[in-house]
Amino acid sequence: MAKRVQVVLNESINKLGKNGDLVEVAPGYARNYLLPQKLAILATPGILKQVEQRRAKERQRLLAEKQQAEAQKTALETIKRFTIRKEVGEGESIFGTVTTSEVAEAIQAATNQEVDRRGITVPDINKTGFYEATVKLHPEVTATIEIQVAPL
């Protein structure tokens, strides 16, 4: 059986690996497909050193991102309560519902920090009152805030 060849991927390839990964492939696959298409380069000591430096920079970037999310969580949980004003009908029922966009706008107005509305989870809100919502700031960082729905 032929020996395997180590290559570093330049692009993510399904079922093989992500950009920057060191993988072992058959020599023919590397020679006939990966190398001519510039999808990979042969692994040499210099290339491996470059890959390790890139990974270290990526780790530093991810760590900084997480620290920024932690700081944002602290800011949100310090304020804790955000008020959203809605038009009210009978029995303290509101017209419509409170959307994630409205929550994101309330957070933006109060803290001057932008929050992605897709990371906000809001319960069904049909009446005035206090409700808990979660804001996902990072894959590992989630803040819990309180929303006060008040009449206009």
N, C-alpha and C. Protein backbone atom coordinates (compact mmCIF):
# COMPACT_ATOMS: atom_id res chain seq x y z
N MET A 1 0.85 -1.18 0.00
CA MET A 1 0.00 0.00 0.00
C MET A 1 0.89 1.24 0.00
N ALA A 2 0.51 2.24 -0.81
CA ALA A 2 1.30 3.46 -0.93
C ALA A 2 1.20 4.28 0.36
N LYS A 3 2.25 5.03 0.62
CA LYS A 3 2.23 5.84 1.83
C LYS A 3 1.36 7.09 1.62
N ARG A 4 1.00 7.71 2.71
CA ARG A 4 0.13 8.90 2.66
C ARG A 4 0.99 10.16 2.59
N VAL A 5 0.41 11.22 2.09
CA VAL A 5 1.10 12.50 1.96
C VAL A 5 0.40 13.52 2.85
N GLN A 6 1.19 14.32 3.57
CA GLN A 6 0.61 15.35 4.41
C GLN A 6 0.51 16.66 3.62
N VAL A 7 -0.68 17.27 3.67
CA VAL A 7 -0.90 18.56 3.01
C VAL A 7 -1.61 19.49 3.98
N VAL A 8 -1.46 20.79 3.73
CA VAL A 8 -2.18 21.81 4.50
C VAL A 8 -3.23 22.39 3.56
N LEU A 9 -4.49 22.37 4.00
CA LEU A 9 -5.59 22.83 3.16
C LEU A 9 -5.62 24.35 3.08
N ASN A 10 -5.83 24.87 1.86
CA ASN A 10 -5.99 26.30 1.64
C ASN A 10 -7.46 26.70 1.71
N GLU A 11 -8.36 25.74 1.53
CA GLU A 11 -9.79 25.97 1.58
C GLU A 11 -10.44 24.83 2.35
N SER A 12 -11.63 25.08 2.86
CA SER A 12 -12.38 24.02 3.54
C SER A 12 -12.91 23.06 2.48
N ILE A 13 -12.75 21.77 2.73
CA ILE A 13 -13.22 20.74 1.81
C ILE A 13 -14.08 19.78 2.59
N ASN A 14 -15.28 19.52 2.06
CA ASN A 14 -16.22 18.61 2.72
C ASN A 14 -15.57 17.26 2.98
N LYS A 15 -15.78 16.74 4.13
CA LYS A 15 -15.34 15.41 4.55
C LYS A 15 -13.81 15.26 4.60
N LEU A 16 -13.08 16.39 4.47
CA LEU A 16 -11.63 16.31 4.55
C LEU A 16 -11.10 17.21 5.66
N GLY A 17 -11.52 18.47 5.68
CA GLY A 17 -11.06 19.36 6.73
C GLY A 17 -11.34 20.81 6.41
N LYS A 18 -10.96 21.66 7.37
CA LYS A 18 -11.17 23.10 7.23
C LYS A 18 -9.89 23.78 6.76
N ASN A 19 -10.02 25.02 6.37
CA ASN A 19 -8.89 25.82 5.93
C ASN A 19 -7.82 25.84 7.02
N GLY A 20 -6.58 25.52 6.65
CA GLY A 20 -5.48 25.53 7.60
C GLY A 20 -5.23 24.20 8.28
N ASP A 21 -6.08 23.21 8.06
CA ASP A 21 -5.90 21.90 8.70
C ASP A 21 -4.78 21.12 8.01
N LEU A 22 -4.06 20.34 8.82
CA LEU A 22 -3.05 19.43 8.30
C LEU A 22 -3.72 18.06 8.17
N VAL A 23 -3.77 17.55 6.94
CA VAL A 23 -4.44 16.26 6.71
C VAL A 23 -3.53 15.34 5.92
N GLU A 24 -3.78 14.04 6.07
CA GLU A 24 -3.06 13.04 5.29
C GLU A 24 -3.99 12.52 4.21
N VAL A 25 -3.50 12.53 2.97
CA VAL A 25 -4.29 12.05 1.84
C VAL A 25 -3.43 11.13 0.98
N ALA A 26 -4.10 10.45 0.07
CA ALA A 26 -3.38 9.59 -0.86
C ALA A 26 -2.52 10.46 -1.79
N PRO A 27 -1.36 9.96 -2.18
CA PRO A 27 -0.47 10.77 -3.03
C PRO A 27 -1.13 11.18 -4.35
N GLY A 28 -1.91 10.29 -4.95
CA GLY A 28 -2.57 10.60 -6.21
C GLY A 28 -3.60 11.70 -6.06
N TYR A 29 -4.34 11.67 -4.97
CA TYR A 29 -5.36 12.70 -4.70
C TYR A 29 -4.69 14.06 -4.55
N ALA A 30 -3.57 14.09 -3.83
CA ALA A 30 -2.85 15.35 -3.64
C ALA A 30 -2.26 15.82 -4.98
N ARG A 31 -1.59 14.93 -5.69
CA ARG A 31 -0.88 15.29 -6.92
C ARG A 31 -1.83 15.66 -8.05
N ASN A 32 -2.95 14.94 -8.17
CA ASN A 32 -3.84 15.14 -9.32
C ASN A 32 -5.00 16.11 -9.08
N TYR A 33 -5.35 16.35 -7.83
CA TYR A 33 -6.51 17.21 -7.59
C TYR A 33 -6.20 18.39 -6.66
N LEU A 34 -5.74 18.10 -5.44
CA LEU A 34 -5.57 19.17 -4.45
C LEU A 34 -4.51 20.20 -4.85
N LEU A 35 -3.35 19.74 -5.28
CA LEU A 35 -2.27 20.67 -5.61
C LEU A 35 -2.55 21.47 -6.90
N PRO A 36 -2.98 20.85 -8.00
CA PRO A 36 -3.25 21.64 -9.21
C PRO A 36 -4.40 22.65 -9.03
N GLN A 37 -5.40 22.30 -8.23
CA GLN A 37 -6.53 23.20 -7.99
C GLN A 37 -6.19 24.26 -6.93
N LYS A 38 -4.99 24.20 -6.38
CA LYS A 38 -4.53 25.10 -5.30
C LYS A 38 -5.45 25.04 -4.08
N LEU A 39 -5.98 23.85 -3.81
CA LEU A 39 -6.81 23.63 -2.63
C LEU A 39 -5.94 23.27 -1.43
N ALA A 40 -4.69 22.87 -1.69
CA ALA A 40 -3.78 22.48 -0.61
C ALA A 40 -2.35 22.70 -1.06
N ILE A 41 -1.44 22.71 -0.08
CA ILE A 41 -0.01 22.76 -0.36
C ILE A 41 0.68 21.67 0.45
N LEU A 42 1.78 21.18 -0.07
CA LEU A 42 2.52 20.13 0.64
C LEU A 42 3.03 20.67 1.98
N ALA A 43 2.97 19.82 2.98
CA ALA A 43 3.39 20.21 4.33
C ALA A 43 4.91 20.14 4.43
N THR A 44 5.52 21.30 4.65
CA THR A 44 6.96 21.37 4.91
C THR A 44 7.14 21.98 6.29
N PRO A 45 8.32 21.88 6.87
CA PRO A 45 8.51 22.47 8.20
C PRO A 45 8.17 23.97 8.25
N GLY A 46 8.51 24.71 7.21
CA GLY A 46 8.20 26.15 7.17
C GLY A 46 6.70 26.40 7.11
N ILE A 47 6.01 25.61 6.30
CA ILE A 47 4.56 25.75 6.17
C ILE A 47 3.88 25.39 7.49
N LEU A 48 4.35 24.33 8.15
CA LEU A 48 3.77 23.93 9.42
C LEU A 48 3.95 25.03 10.47
N LYS A 49 5.09 25.72 10.45
CA LYS A 49 5.34 26.81 11.38
C LYS A 49 4.36 27.96 11.11
N GLN A 50 4.13 28.26 9.83
CA GLN A 50 3.17 29.31 9.46
C GLN A 50 1.76 28.96 9.93
N VAL A 51 1.38 27.69 9.76
CA VAL A 51 0.06 27.24 10.17
C VAL A 51 -0.09 27.40 11.68
N GLU A 52 0.94 27.04 12.44
CA GLU A 52 0.88 27.16 13.89
C GLU A 52 0.77 28.62 14.32
N GLN A 53 1.47 29.51 13.63
CA GLN A 53 1.37 30.94 13.94
C GLN A 53 -0.04 31.46 13.65
N ARG A 54 -0.63 31.02 12.52
CA ARG A 54 -2.00 31.42 12.18
C ARG A 54 -2.98 30.93 13.24
N ARG A 55 -2.79 29.71 13.71
CA ARG A 55 -3.69 29.15 14.74
C ARG A 55 -3.56 29.94 16.05
N ALA A 56 -2.33 30.33 16.40
CA ALA A 56 -2.13 31.10 17.63
C ALA A 56 -2.82 32.46 17.52
N LYS A 57 -2.72 33.11 16.36
CA LYS A 57 -3.40 34.39 16.16
C LYS A 57 -4.91 34.22 16.26
N GLU A 58 -5.41 33.13 15.68
CA GLU A 58 -6.85 32.86 15.72
C GLU A 58 -7.32 32.63 17.15
N ARG A 59 -6.52 31.89 17.94
CA ARG A 59 -6.86 31.68 19.35
C ARG A 59 -6.91 33.00 20.10
N GLN A 60 -5.95 33.88 19.84
CA GLN A 60 -5.92 35.19 20.49
C GLN A 60 -7.16 36.01 20.11
N ARG A 61 -7.54 35.96 18.83
CA ARG A 61 -8.70 36.71 18.36
C ARG A 61 -9.98 36.19 19.04
N LEU A 62 -10.11 34.87 19.12
CA LEU A 62 -11.29 34.28 19.76
C LEU A 62 -11.35 34.62 21.25
N LEU A 63 -10.20 34.63 21.89
CA LEU A 63 -10.15 34.98 23.31
C LEU A 63 -10.56 36.43 23.51
N ALA A 64 -10.09 37.33 22.66
CA ALA A 64 -10.46 38.74 22.75
C ALA A 64 -11.96 38.92 22.52
N GLU A 65 -12.50 38.18 21.55
CA GLU A 65 -13.94 38.23 21.27
C GLU A 65 -14.74 37.81 22.50
N LYS A 66 -14.30 36.73 23.16
CA LYS A 66 -15.00 36.24 24.34
C LYS A 66 -14.92 37.26 25.48
N GLN A 67 -13.76 37.88 25.67
CA GLN A 67 -13.61 38.87 26.72
C GLN A 67 -14.51 40.08 26.46
N GLN A 68 -14.64 40.47 25.19
CA GLN A 68 -15.52 41.58 24.85
C GLN A 68 -16.97 41.21 25.15
N ALA A 69 -17.35 39.97 24.85
CA ALA A 69 -18.71 39.50 25.13
C ALA A 69 -18.97 39.48 26.64
N GLU A 70 -17.96 39.08 27.43
CA GLU A 70 -18.10 39.07 28.89
C GLU A 70 -18.32 40.50 29.41
N ALA A 71 -17.58 41.46 28.85
CA ALA A 71 -17.74 42.85 29.27
C ALA A 71 -19.14 43.36 28.90
N GLN A 72 -19.60 42.99 27.73
CA GLN A 72 -20.94 43.39 27.29
C GLN A 72 -22.01 42.76 28.19
N LYS A 73 -21.79 41.51 28.60
CA LYS A 73 -22.73 40.83 29.51
C LYS A 73 -22.79 41.58 30.84
N THR A 74 -21.65 41.97 31.36
CA THR A 74 -21.61 42.70 32.62
C THR A 74 -22.38 44.02 32.50
N ALA A 75 -22.20 44.71 31.38
CA ALA A 75 -22.91 45.98 31.16
C ALA A 75 -24.42 45.76 31.10
N LEU A 76 -24.84 44.72 30.40
CA LEU A 76 -26.27 44.43 30.28
C LEU A 76 -26.88 44.04 31.63
N GLU A 77 -26.17 43.21 32.38
CA GLU A 77 -26.71 42.76 33.65
C GLU A 77 -26.60 43.82 34.74
N THR A 78 -25.77 44.84 34.54
CA THR A 78 -25.73 45.96 35.47
C THR A 78 -26.98 46.81 35.31
N ILE A 79 -27.35 47.07 34.05
CA ILE A 79 -28.57 47.84 33.79
C ILE A 79 -29.79 46.98 34.12
N LYS A 80 -29.76 45.74 33.73
CA LYS A 80 -30.74 44.69 34.04
C LYS A 80 -32.12 44.91 33.41
N ARG A 81 -32.72 46.11 33.55
CA ARG A 81 -34.10 46.29 33.10
C ARG A 81 -34.15 47.28 31.93
N PHE A 82 -34.83 46.85 30.86
CA PHE A 82 -35.02 47.69 29.69
C PHE A 82 -36.52 47.87 29.49
N THR A 83 -36.94 49.10 29.18
CA THR A 83 -38.36 49.41 29.04
C THR A 83 -38.72 49.54 27.57
N ILE A 84 -39.81 48.89 27.21
CA ILE A 84 -40.35 48.99 25.85
C ILE A 84 -41.78 49.50 25.99
N ARG A 85 -42.09 50.57 25.30
CA ARG A 85 -43.43 51.16 25.38
C ARG A 85 -44.25 50.70 24.18
N LYS A 86 -45.48 50.21 24.49
CA LYS A 86 -46.38 49.72 23.45
C LYS A 86 -47.77 50.30 23.68
N GLU A 87 -48.55 50.36 22.62
CA GLU A 87 -49.93 50.81 22.73
C GLU A 87 -50.74 49.73 23.43
N VAL A 88 -51.59 50.16 24.39
CA VAL A 88 -52.30 49.21 25.24
C VAL A 88 -53.81 49.32 25.00
N GLY A 89 -54.48 48.15 25.02
CA GLY A 89 -55.93 48.10 24.88
C GLY A 89 -56.56 47.70 26.21
N GLU A 90 -57.66 46.97 26.15
CA GLU A 90 -58.36 46.53 27.36
C GLU A 90 -57.55 45.50 28.14
N GLY A 91 -57.69 45.56 29.46
CA GLY A 91 -57.08 44.54 30.32
C GLY A 91 -55.57 44.47 30.21
N GLU A 92 -54.92 45.60 29.97
CA GLU A 92 -53.47 45.68 29.85
C GLU A 92 -52.90 44.85 28.70
N SER A 93 -53.73 44.50 27.73
CA SER A 93 -53.25 43.78 26.55
C SER A 93 -52.59 44.77 25.60
N ILE A 94 -51.48 44.35 25.01
CA ILE A 94 -50.81 45.24 24.07
C ILE A 94 -51.22 44.88 22.65
N PHE A 95 -51.12 45.87 21.77
CA PHE A 95 -51.40 45.63 20.36
C PHE A 95 -50.12 45.06 19.75
N GLY A 96 -50.23 43.92 19.11
CA GLY A 96 -49.06 43.27 18.54
C GLY A 96 -48.30 42.52 19.61
N THR A 97 -47.00 42.37 19.41
CA THR A 97 -46.15 41.68 20.36
C THR A 97 -44.80 42.37 20.42
N VAL A 98 -44.01 42.05 21.38
CA VAL A 98 -42.67 42.62 21.49
C VAL A 98 -41.74 41.73 20.66
N THR A 99 -41.02 42.34 19.73
CA THR A 99 -40.14 41.59 18.84
C THR A 99 -38.69 41.70 19.31
N THR A 100 -37.87 40.83 18.76
CA THR A 100 -36.44 40.86 19.10
C THR A 100 -35.80 42.15 18.61
N SER A 101 -36.29 42.70 17.50
CA SER A 101 -35.76 43.97 16.99
C SER A 101 -36.02 45.10 17.98
N GLU A 102 -37.20 45.12 18.58
CA GLU A 102 -37.51 46.15 19.57
C GLU A 102 -36.61 46.02 20.80
N VAL A 103 -36.35 44.80 21.21
CA VAL A 103 -35.46 44.58 22.36
C VAL A 103 -34.05 45.04 22.01
N ALA A 104 -33.58 44.71 20.79
CA ALA A 104 -32.25 45.14 20.36
C ALA A 104 -32.16 46.66 20.31
N GLU A 105 -33.22 47.33 19.85
CA GLU A 105 -33.23 48.79 19.81
C GLU A 105 -33.20 49.38 21.23
N ALA A 106 -33.94 48.77 22.17
CA ALA A 106 -33.95 49.24 23.55
C ALA A 106 -32.56 49.10 24.18
N ILE A 107 -31.89 47.99 23.90
CA ILE A 107 -30.53 47.78 24.42
C ILE A 107 -29.58 48.80 23.81
N GLN A 108 -29.71 49.03 22.51
CA GLN A 108 -28.87 50.01 21.80
C GLN A 108 -29.06 51.40 22.39
N ALA A 109 -30.32 51.78 22.65
CA ALA A 109 -30.60 53.11 23.19
C ALA A 109 -30.04 53.27 24.60
N ALA A 110 -30.10 52.22 25.41
CA ALA A 110 -29.67 52.32 26.80
C ALA A 110 -28.16 52.20 26.98
N THR A 111 -27.51 51.36 26.17
CA THR A 111 -26.09 51.09 26.41
C THR A 111 -25.15 51.56 25.31
N ASN A 112 -25.70 51.98 24.16
CA ASN A 112 -24.88 52.33 23.00
C ASN A 112 -24.06 51.15 22.49
N GLN A 113 -24.51 49.93 22.79
CA GLN A 113 -23.85 48.72 22.30
C GLN A 113 -24.80 48.00 21.37
N GLU A 114 -24.28 47.59 20.23
CA GLU A 114 -25.12 46.89 19.28
C GLU A 114 -25.19 45.42 19.65
N VAL A 115 -26.41 44.86 19.62
CA VAL A 115 -26.62 43.45 19.91
C VAL A 115 -27.35 42.85 18.72
N ASP A 116 -26.91 41.69 18.28
CA ASP A 116 -27.55 41.02 17.15
C ASP A 116 -28.91 40.50 17.58
N ARG A 117 -29.95 40.90 16.88
CA ARG A 117 -31.31 40.52 17.26
C ARG A 117 -31.53 39.01 17.15
N ARG A 118 -30.74 38.33 16.31
CA ARG A 118 -30.91 36.88 16.15
C ARG A 118 -30.46 36.12 17.39
N GLY A 119 -29.67 36.77 18.25
CA GLY A 119 -29.21 36.13 19.48
C GLY A 119 -30.13 36.37 20.67
N ILE A 120 -31.22 37.10 20.44
CA ILE A 120 -32.13 37.43 21.52
C ILE A 120 -33.30 36.46 21.52
N THR A 121 -33.62 35.91 22.70
CA THR A 121 -34.77 35.03 22.86
C THR A 121 -35.77 35.71 23.79
N VAL A 122 -36.96 35.98 23.23
CA VAL A 122 -38.00 36.69 23.97
C VAL A 122 -39.21 35.76 24.11
N PRO A 123 -39.81 35.67 25.31
CA PRO A 123 -41.03 34.87 25.45
C PRO A 123 -42.20 35.56 24.74
N ASP A 124 -43.32 34.87 24.60
CA ASP A 124 -44.51 35.49 24.01
C ASP A 124 -45.01 36.55 24.98
N ILE A 125 -45.06 37.78 24.51
CA ILE A 125 -45.47 38.90 25.36
C ILE A 125 -46.74 39.49 24.77
N ASN A 126 -47.86 39.39 25.52
CA ASN A 126 -49.14 39.90 25.06
C ASN A 126 -49.73 40.94 26.01
N LYS A 127 -49.15 41.11 27.18
CA LYS A 127 -49.66 42.06 28.18
C LYS A 127 -48.52 42.90 28.72
N THR A 128 -48.88 43.99 29.39
CA THR A 128 -47.84 44.80 30.02
C THR A 128 -47.31 44.03 31.23
N GLY A 129 -46.10 44.37 31.63
CA GLY A 129 -45.52 43.70 32.79
C GLY A 129 -44.03 43.48 32.61
N PHE A 130 -43.49 42.58 33.43
CA PHE A 130 -42.06 42.29 33.42
C PHE A 130 -41.83 40.89 32.85
N TYR A 131 -40.83 40.76 31.98
CA TYR A 131 -40.52 39.49 31.33
C TYR A 131 -39.01 39.30 31.29
N GLU A 132 -38.58 38.04 31.31
CA GLU A 132 -37.16 37.71 31.21
C GLU A 132 -36.84 37.37 29.76
N ALA A 133 -35.70 37.85 29.29
CA ALA A 133 -35.21 37.53 27.95
C ALA A 133 -33.74 37.16 28.05
N THR A 134 -33.28 36.32 27.14
CA THR A 134 -31.87 35.96 27.12
C THR A 134 -31.23 36.53 25.87
N VAL A 135 -29.99 36.97 26.03
CA VAL A 135 -29.24 37.55 24.93
C VAL A 135 -27.96 36.74 24.78
N LYS A 136 -27.81 36.07 23.64
CA LYS A 136 -26.60 35.29 23.38
C LYS A 136 -25.58 36.21 22.71
N LEU A 137 -24.53 36.51 23.45
CA LEU A 137 -23.51 37.45 22.97
C LEU A 137 -22.34 36.74 22.29
N HIS A 138 -22.16 35.49 22.63
CA HIS A 138 -21.02 34.68 22.15
C HIS A 138 -21.46 33.23 22.34
N PRO A 139 -20.89 32.28 21.62
CA PRO A 139 -21.31 30.89 21.83
C PRO A 139 -21.21 30.41 23.27
N GLU A 140 -20.34 31.03 24.08
CA GLU A 140 -20.18 30.61 25.47
C GLU A 140 -20.68 31.64 26.47
N VAL A 141 -21.20 32.79 26.00
CA VAL A 141 -21.61 33.87 26.90
C VAL A 141 -23.07 34.25 26.63
N THR A 142 -23.91 34.11 27.66
CA THR A 142 -25.32 34.46 27.55
C THR A 142 -25.71 35.34 28.73
N ALA A 143 -26.41 36.45 28.43
CA ALA A 143 -26.85 37.37 29.47
C ALA A 143 -28.37 37.26 29.61
N THR A 144 -28.86 37.42 30.84
CA THR A 144 -30.30 37.43 31.10
C THR A 144 -30.68 38.84 31.48
N ILE A 145 -31.68 39.37 30.77
CA ILE A 145 -32.15 40.73 31.04
C ILE A 145 -33.63 40.72 31.35
N GLU A 146 -34.10 41.82 31.91
CA GLU A 146 -35.53 41.94 32.23
C GLU A 146 -36.11 43.01 31.31
N ILE A 147 -37.27 42.69 30.71
CA ILE A 147 -37.95 43.63 29.84
C ILE A 147 -39.22 44.08 30.53
N GLN A 148 -39.38 45.40 30.62
CA GLN A 148 -40.61 45.96 31.18
C GLN A 148 -41.42 46.49 30.01
N VAL A 149 -42.62 45.94 29.82
CA VAL A 149 -43.51 46.41 28.78
C VAL A 149 -44.47 47.38 29.45
N ALA A 150 -44.45 48.65 29.01
CA ALA A 150 -45.25 49.70 29.63
C ALA A 150 -46.14 50.35 28.58
N PRO A 151 -47.25 50.95 29.02
CA PRO A 151 -48.13 51.65 28.06
C PRO A 151 -47.47 52.92 27.54
N LEU A 152 -47.88 53.34 26.33
CA LEU A 152 -47.34 54.55 25.72
C LEU A 152 -47.67 55.79 26.53
